[in-house]
Amino acid sequence: MFLFSIVIGGVFSTLAALCAFVITYGEYLKHYPDKRRPFIMAAKISLAAFAFFMVVSVLLISVVMKF
């Protein structure tokens, strides 16, 4: 069951990270003249979103399966 939560969390966390990257990169491009800095900042945000949703999904599935 733990492997299932890792797979489900990985799929949806990847989607969340991609969405976070696209949104933040598009917004940061409006505020910075070069393209390198917004890319790095958006990549950091997307990694944070991936980590957050991965941890939340594993914990949520673990808690739900105990009931």
PDB file of N, CA and C in Angstrom:
ATOM      1  N   MET A   1       0.818  -1.187   0.000  1.00  0.00           N
ATOM      2  CA  MET A   1       0.000   0.000   0.000  1.00  0.00           C
ATOM      3  C   MET A   1       0.866   1.257   0.000  1.00  0.00           C
ATOM      4  N   PHE A   2       2.040   1.160   0.607  1.00  0.00           N
ATOM      5  CA  PHE A   2       2.939   2.318   0.631  1.00  0.00           C
ATOM      6  C   PHE A   2       3.426   2.645  -0.774  1.00  0.00           C
ATOM      7  N   LEU A   3       3.694   1.612  -1.560  1.00  0.00           N
ATOM      8  CA  LEU A   3       4.128   1.833  -2.945  1.00  0.00           C
ATOM      9  C   LEU A   3       3.031   2.513  -3.758  1.00  0.00           C
ATOM     10  N   PHE A   4       1.787   2.134  -3.503  1.00  0.00           N
ATOM     11  CA  PHE A   4       0.658   2.766  -4.178  1.00  0.00           C
ATOM     12  C   PHE A   4       0.591   4.264  -3.859  1.00  0.00           C
ATOM     13  N   SER A   5       0.801   4.609  -2.591  1.00  0.00           N
ATOM     14  CA  SER A   5       0.750   6.022  -2.222  1.00  0.00           C
ATOM     15  C   SER A   5       1.917   6.802  -2.828  1.00  0.00           C
ATOM     16  N   ILE A   6       3.063   6.160  -2.983  1.00  0.00           N
ATOM     17  CA  ILE A   6       4.213   6.814  -3.621  1.00  0.00           C
ATOM     18  C   ILE A   6       3.909   7.064  -5.103  1.00  0.00           C
ATOM     19  N   VAL A   7       3.328   6.088  -5.773  1.00  0.00           N
ATOM     20  CA  VAL A   7       3.024   6.232  -7.197  1.00  0.00           C
ATOM     21  C   VAL A   7       1.961   7.312  -7.413  1.00  0.00           C
ATOM     22  N   ILE A   8       0.872   7.243  -6.664  1.00  0.00           N
ATOM     23  CA  ILE A   8      -0.192   8.237  -6.798  1.00  0.00           C
ATOM     24  C   ILE A   8       0.338   9.621  -6.430  1.00  0.00           C
ATOM     25  N   GLY A   9       1.081   9.706  -5.347  1.00  0.00           N
ATOM     26  CA  GLY A   9       1.659  10.985  -4.946  1.00  0.00           C
ATOM     27  C   GLY A   9       2.640  11.517  -5.973  1.00  0.00           C
ATOM     28  N   GLY A  10       3.408  10.637  -6.572  1.00  0.00           N
ATOM     29  CA  GLY A  10       4.367  11.068  -7.584  1.00  0.00           C
ATOM     30  C   GLY A  10       3.704  11.621  -8.828  1.00  0.00           C
ATOM     31  N   VAL A  11       2.631  10.980  -9.255  1.00  0.00           N
ATOM     32  CA  VAL A  11       1.925  11.442 -10.456  1.00  0.00           C
ATOM     33  C   VAL A  11       1.304  12.815 -10.218  1.00  0.00           C
ATOM     34  N   PHE A  12       0.551  12.946  -9.142  1.00  0.00           N
ATOM     35  CA  PHE A  12      -0.131  14.210  -8.895  1.00  0.00           C
ATOM     36  C   PHE A  12       0.823  15.305  -8.432  1.00  0.00           C
ATOM     37  N   SER A  13       1.890  14.944  -7.754  1.00  0.00           N
ATOM     38  CA  SER A  13       2.887  15.940  -7.365  1.00  0.00           C
ATOM     39  C   SER A  13       3.625  16.476  -8.579  1.00  0.00           C
ATOM     40  N   THR A  14       3.880  15.613  -9.543  1.00  0.00           N
ATOM     41  CA  THR A  14       4.521  16.064 -10.782  1.00  0.00           C
ATOM     42  C   THR A  14       3.618  17.027 -11.537  1.00  0.00           C
ATOM     43  N   LEU A  15       2.334  16.716 -11.605  1.00  0.00           N
ATOM     44  CA  LEU A  15       1.388  17.628 -12.249  1.00  0.00           C
ATOM     45  C   LEU A  15       1.320  18.969 -11.520  1.00  0.00           C
ATOM     46  N   ALA A  16       1.320  18.929 -10.198  1.00  0.00           N
ATOM     47  CA  ALA A  16       1.283  20.168  -9.419  1.00  0.00           C
ATOM     48  C   ALA A  16       2.556  20.980  -9.638  1.00  0.00           C
ATOM     49  N   ALA A  17       3.696  20.303  -9.702  1.00  0.00           N
ATOM     50  CA  ALA A  17       4.962  21.004  -9.921  1.00  0.00           C
ATOM     51  C   ALA A  17       5.020  21.640 -11.304  1.00  0.00           C
ATOM     52  N   LEU A  18       4.517  20.932 -12.309  1.00  0.00           N
ATOM     53  CA  LEU A  18       4.481  21.503 -13.655  1.00  0.00           C
ATOM     54  C   LEU A  18       3.570  22.726 -13.723  1.00  0.00           C
ATOM     55  N   CYS A  19       2.426  22.635 -13.101  1.00  0.00           N
ATOM     56  CA  CYS A  19       1.505  23.780 -13.076  1.00  0.00           C
ATOM     57  C   CYS A  19       2.129  24.955 -12.334  1.00  0.00           C
ATOM     58  N   ALA A  20       2.773  24.683 -11.209  1.00  0.00           N
ATOM     59  CA  ALA A  20       3.422  25.755 -10.448  1.00  0.00           C
ATOM     60  C   ALA A  20       4.533  26.398 -11.259  1.00  0.00           C
ATOM     61  N   PHE A  21       5.279  25.597 -11.993  1.00  0.00           N
ATOM     62  CA  PHE A  21       6.359  26.149 -12.814  1.00  0.00           C
ATOM     63  C   PHE A  21       5.812  27.055 -13.910  1.00  0.00           C
ATOM     64  N   VAL A  22       4.807  26.572 -14.627  1.00  0.00           N
ATOM     65  CA  VAL A  22       4.255  27.353 -15.745  1.00  0.00           C
ATOM     66  C   VAL A  22       3.664  28.668 -15.249  1.00  0.00           C
ATOM     67  N   ILE A  23       2.935  28.620 -14.156  1.00  0.00           N
ATOM     68  CA  ILE A  23       2.299  29.823 -13.634  1.00  0.00           C
ATOM     69  C   ILE A  23       3.330  30.819 -13.126  1.00  0.00           C
ATOM     70  N   THR A  24       4.269  30.356 -12.305  1.00  0.00           N
ATOM     71  CA  THR A  24       5.249  31.286 -11.735  1.00  0.00           C
ATOM     72  C   THR A  24       6.223  31.798 -12.787  1.00  0.00           C
ATOM     73  N   TYR A  25       6.597  30.962 -13.730  1.00  0.00           N
ATOM     74  CA  TYR A  25       7.501  31.419 -14.787  1.00  0.00           C
ATOM     75  C   TYR A  25       6.831  32.500 -15.632  1.00  0.00           C
ATOM     76  N   GLY A  26       5.584  32.307 -15.951  1.00  0.00           N
ATOM     77  CA  GLY A  26       4.853  33.308 -16.716  1.00  0.00           C
ATOM     78  C   GLY A  26       4.715  34.623 -15.968  1.00  0.00           C
ATOM     79  N   GLU A  27       4.489  34.543 -14.678  1.00  0.00           N
ATOM     80  CA  GLU A  27       4.360  35.767 -13.888  1.00  0.00           C
ATOM     81  C   GLU A  27       5.705  36.457 -13.672  1.00  0.00           C
ATOM     82  N   TYR A  28       6.752  35.681 -13.409  1.00  0.00           N
ATOM     83  CA  TYR A  28       8.068  36.283 -13.176  1.00  0.00           C
ATOM     84  C   TYR A  28       8.648  36.891 -14.448  1.00  0.00           C
ATOM     85  N   LEU A  29       8.271  36.383 -15.606  1.00  0.00           N
ATOM     86  CA  LEU A  29       8.756  36.971 -16.861  1.00  0.00           C
ATOM     87  C   LEU A  29       8.280  38.411 -17.028  1.00  0.00           C
ATOM     88  N   LYS A  30       7.144  38.725 -16.440  1.00  0.00           N
ATOM     89  CA  LYS A  30       6.613  40.085 -16.540  1.00  0.00           C
ATOM     90  C   LYS A  30       7.418  41.085 -15.711  1.00  0.00           C
ATOM     91  N   HIS A  31       8.154  40.573 -14.703  1.00  0.00           N
ATOM     92  CA  HIS A  31       8.825  41.460 -13.762  1.00  0.00           C
ATOM     93  C   HIS A  31      10.338  41.525 -13.921  1.00  0.00           C
ATOM     94  N   TYR A  32      10.925  40.592 -14.656  1.00  0.00           N
ATOM     95  CA  TYR A  32      12.373  40.562 -14.828  1.00  0.00           C
ATOM     96  C   TYR A  32      12.716  40.634 -16.318  1.00  0.00           C
ATOM     97  N   PRO A  33      13.709  41.442 -16.665  1.00  0.00           N
ATOM     98  CA  PRO A  33      14.055  41.586 -18.084  1.00  0.00           C
ATOM     99  C   PRO A  33      14.762  40.367 -18.679  1.00  0.00           C
ATOM    100  N   ASP A  34      15.576  39.677 -17.895  1.00  0.00           N
ATOM    101  CA  ASP A  34      16.255  38.490 -18.416  1.00  0.00           C
ATOM    102  C   ASP A  34      15.409  37.250 -18.150  1.00  0.00           C
ATOM    103  N   LYS A  35      15.725  36.160 -18.823  1.00  0.00           N
ATOM    104  CA  LYS A  35      14.920  34.948 -18.681  1.00  0.00           C
ATOM    105  C   LYS A  35      15.550  33.921 -17.748  1.00  0.00           C
ATOM    106  N   ARG A  36      16.793  34.128 -17.362  1.00  0.00           N
ATOM    107  CA  ARG A  36      17.469  33.132 -16.524  1.00  0.00           C
ATOM    108  C   ARG A  36      16.954  33.163 -15.085  1.00  0.00           C
ATOM    109  N   ARG A  37      16.840  34.348 -14.518  1.00  0.00           N
ATOM    110  CA  ARG A  37      16.413  34.447 -13.126  1.00  0.00           C
ATOM    111  C   ARG A  37      14.980  33.938 -12.918  1.00  0.00           C
ATOM    112  N   PRO A  38      14.023  34.314 -13.761  1.00  0.00           N
ATOM    113  CA  PRO A  38      12.673  33.746 -13.578  1.00  0.00           C
ATOM    114  C   PRO A  38      12.638  32.226 -13.716  1.00  0.00           C
ATOM    115  N   PHE A  39      13.475  31.677 -14.590  1.00  0.00           N
ATOM    116  CA  PHE A  39      13.513  30.220 -14.749  1.00  0.00           C
ATOM    117  C   PHE A  39      13.992  29.552 -13.462  1.00  0.00           C
ATOM    118  N   ILE A  40      15.045  30.087 -12.864  1.00  0.00           N
ATOM    119  CA  ILE A  40      15.585  29.507 -11.628  1.00  0.00           C
ATOM    120  C   ILE A  40      14.586  29.639 -10.493  1.00  0.00           C
ATOM    121  N   MET A  41      13.960  30.795 -10.373  1.00  0.00           N
ATOM    122  CA  MET A  41      12.980  31.004  -9.305  1.00  0.00           C
ATOM    123  C   MET A  41      11.771  30.091  -9.488  1.00  0.00           C
ATOM    124  N   ALA A  42      11.305  29.940 -10.711  1.00  0.00           N
ATOM    125  CA  ALA A  42      10.161  29.063 -10.978  1.00  0.00           C
ATOM    126  C   ALA A  42      10.529  27.601 -10.726  1.00  0.00           C
ATOM    127  N   ALA A  43      11.760  27.226 -11.037  1.00  0.00           N
ATOM    128  CA  ALA A  43      12.200  25.852 -10.770  1.00  0.00           C
ATOM    129  C   ALA A  43      12.222  25.569  -9.271  1.00  0.00           C
ATOM    130  N   LYS A  44      12.673  26.528  -8.479  1.00  0.00           N
ATOM    131  CA  LYS A  44      12.681  26.352  -7.021  1.00  0.00           C
ATOM    132  C   LYS A  44      11.255  26.218  -6.478  1.00  0.00           C
ATOM    133  N   ILE A  45      10.358  27.037  -6.987  1.00  0.00           N
ATOM    134  CA  ILE A  45       8.965  26.972  -6.549  1.00  0.00           C
ATOM    135  C   ILE A  45       8.347  25.632  -6.933  1.00  0.00           C
ATOM    136  N   SER A  46       8.661  25.155  -8.133  1.00  0.00           N
ATOM    137  CA  SER A  46       8.079  23.881  -8.564  1.00  0.00           C
ATOM    138  C   SER A  46       8.628  22.717  -7.746  1.00  0.00           C
ATOM    139  N   LEU A  47       9.894  22.772  -7.361  1.00  0.00           N
ATOM    140  CA  LEU A  47      10.444  21.729  -6.485  1.00  0.00           C
ATOM    141  C   LEU A  47       9.781  21.757  -5.114  1.00  0.00           C
ATOM    142  N   ALA A  48       9.518  22.948  -4.604  1.00  0.00           N
ATOM    143  CA  ALA A  48       8.821  23.058  -3.321  1.00  0.00           C
ATOM    144  C   ALA A  48       7.402  22.522  -3.425  1.00  0.00           C
ATOM    145  N   ALA A  49       6.726  22.817  -4.521  1.00  0.00           N
ATOM    146  CA  ALA A  49       5.363  22.306  -4.716  1.00  0.00           C
ATOM    147  C   ALA A  49       5.371  20.782  -4.821  1.00  0.00           C
ATOM    148  N   PHE A  50       6.351  20.237  -5.545  1.00  0.00           N
ATOM    149  CA  PHE A  50       6.448  18.778  -5.658  1.00  0.00           C
ATOM    150  C   PHE A  50       6.649  18.144  -4.285  1.00  0.00           C
ATOM    151  N   ALA A  51       7.593  18.674  -3.512  1.00  0.00           N
ATOM    152  CA  ALA A  51       7.873  18.108  -2.191  1.00  0.00           C
ATOM    153  C   ALA A  51       6.658  18.209  -1.281  1.00  0.00           C
ATOM    154  N   PHE A  52       5.995  19.351  -1.289  1.00  0.00           N
ATOM    155  CA  PHE A  52       4.833  19.544  -0.426  1.00  0.00           C
ATOM    156  C   PHE A  52       3.723  18.555  -0.766  1.00  0.00           C
ATOM    157  N   PHE A  53       3.354  18.469  -2.033  1.00  0.00           N
ATOM    158  CA  PHE A  53       2.258  17.584  -2.411  1.00  0.00           C
ATOM    159  C   PHE A  53       2.626  16.112  -2.271  1.00  0.00           C
ATOM    160  N   MET A  54       3.879  15.777  -2.440  1.00  0.00           N
ATOM    161  CA  MET A  54       4.305  14.389  -2.243  1.00  0.00           C
ATOM    162  C   MET A  54       4.162  13.990  -0.773  1.00  0.00           C
ATOM    163  N   VAL A  55       4.643  14.832   0.114  1.00  0.00           N
ATOM    164  CA  VAL A  55       4.543  14.542   1.552  1.00  0.00           C
ATOM    165  C   VAL A  55       3.085  14.492   1.997  1.00  0.00           C
ATOM    166  N   VAL A  56       2.299  15.449   1.558  1.00  0.00           N
ATOM    167  CA  VAL A  56       0.887  15.485   1.947  1.00  0.00           C
ATOM    168  C   VAL A  56       0.144  14.259   1.428  1.00  0.00           C
ATOM    169  N   SER A  57       0.409  13.859   0.201  1.00  0.00           N
ATOM    170  CA  SER A  57      -0.312  12.703  -0.344  1.00  0.00           C
ATOM    171  C   SER A  57       0.071  11.415   0.367  1.00  0.00           C
ATOM    172  N   VAL A  58       1.333  11.225   0.675  1.00  0.00           N
ATOM    173  CA  VAL A  58       1.751  10.007   1.387  1.00  0.00           C
ATOM    174  C   VAL A  58       1.158   9.991   2.790  1.00  0.00           C
ATOM    175  N   LEU A  59       1.200  11.125   3.474  1.00  0.00           N
ATOM    176  CA  LEU A  59       0.630  11.177   4.825  1.00  0.00           C
ATOM    177  C   LEU A  59      -0.881  10.982   4.806  1.00  0.00           C
ATOM    178  N   LEU A  60      -1.545  11.590   3.854  1.00  0.00           N
ATOM    179  CA  LEU A  60      -2.998  11.473   3.773  1.00  0.00           C
ATOM    180  C   LEU A  60      -3.424  10.039   3.475  1.00  0.00           C
ATOM    181  N   ILE A  61      -2.766   9.399   2.549  1.00  0.00           N
ATOM    182  CA  ILE A  61      -3.108   8.008   2.234  1.00  0.00           C
ATOM    183  C   ILE A  61      -2.788   7.099   3.413  1.00  0.00           C
ATOM    184  N   SER A  62      -1.690   7.357   4.116  1.00  0.00           N
ATOM    185  CA  SER A  62      -1.350   6.554   5.288  1.00  0.00           C
ATOM    186  C   SER A  62      -2.397   6.702   6.386  1.00  0.00           C
ATOM    187  N   VAL A  63      -2.871   7.914   6.606  1.00  0.00           N
ATOM    188  CA  VAL A  63      -3.880   8.147   7.648  1.00  0.00           C
ATOM    189  C   VAL A  63      -5.222   7.530   7.247  1.00  0.00           C
ATOM    190  N   VAL A  64      -5.608   7.673   6.008  1.00  0.00           N
ATOM    191  CA  VAL A  64      -6.887   7.138   5.546  1.00  0.00           C
ATOM    192  C   VAL A  64      -6.887   5.609   5.596  1.00  0.00           C
ATOM    193  N   MET A  65      -5.794   4.995   5.274  1.00  0.00           N
ATOM    194  CA  MET A  65      -5.733   3.529   5.264  1.00  0.00           C
ATOM    195  C   MET A  65      -5.754   2.924   6.670  1.00  0.00           C
ATOM    196  N   LYS A  66      -5.452   3.717   7.692  1.00  0.00           N
ATOM    197  CA  LYS A  66      -5.503   3.194   9.057  1.00  0.00           C
ATOM    198  C   LYS A  66      -6.932   3.080   9.562  1.00  0.00           C
ATOM    199  N   PHE A  67      -7.865   3.783   8.933  1.00  0.00           N
ATOM    200  CA  PHE A  67      -9.264   3.743   9.372  1.00  0.00           C
ATOM    201  C   PHE A  67     -10.030   2.731   8.637  1.00  0.00           C
TER     202      PHE A  67
END
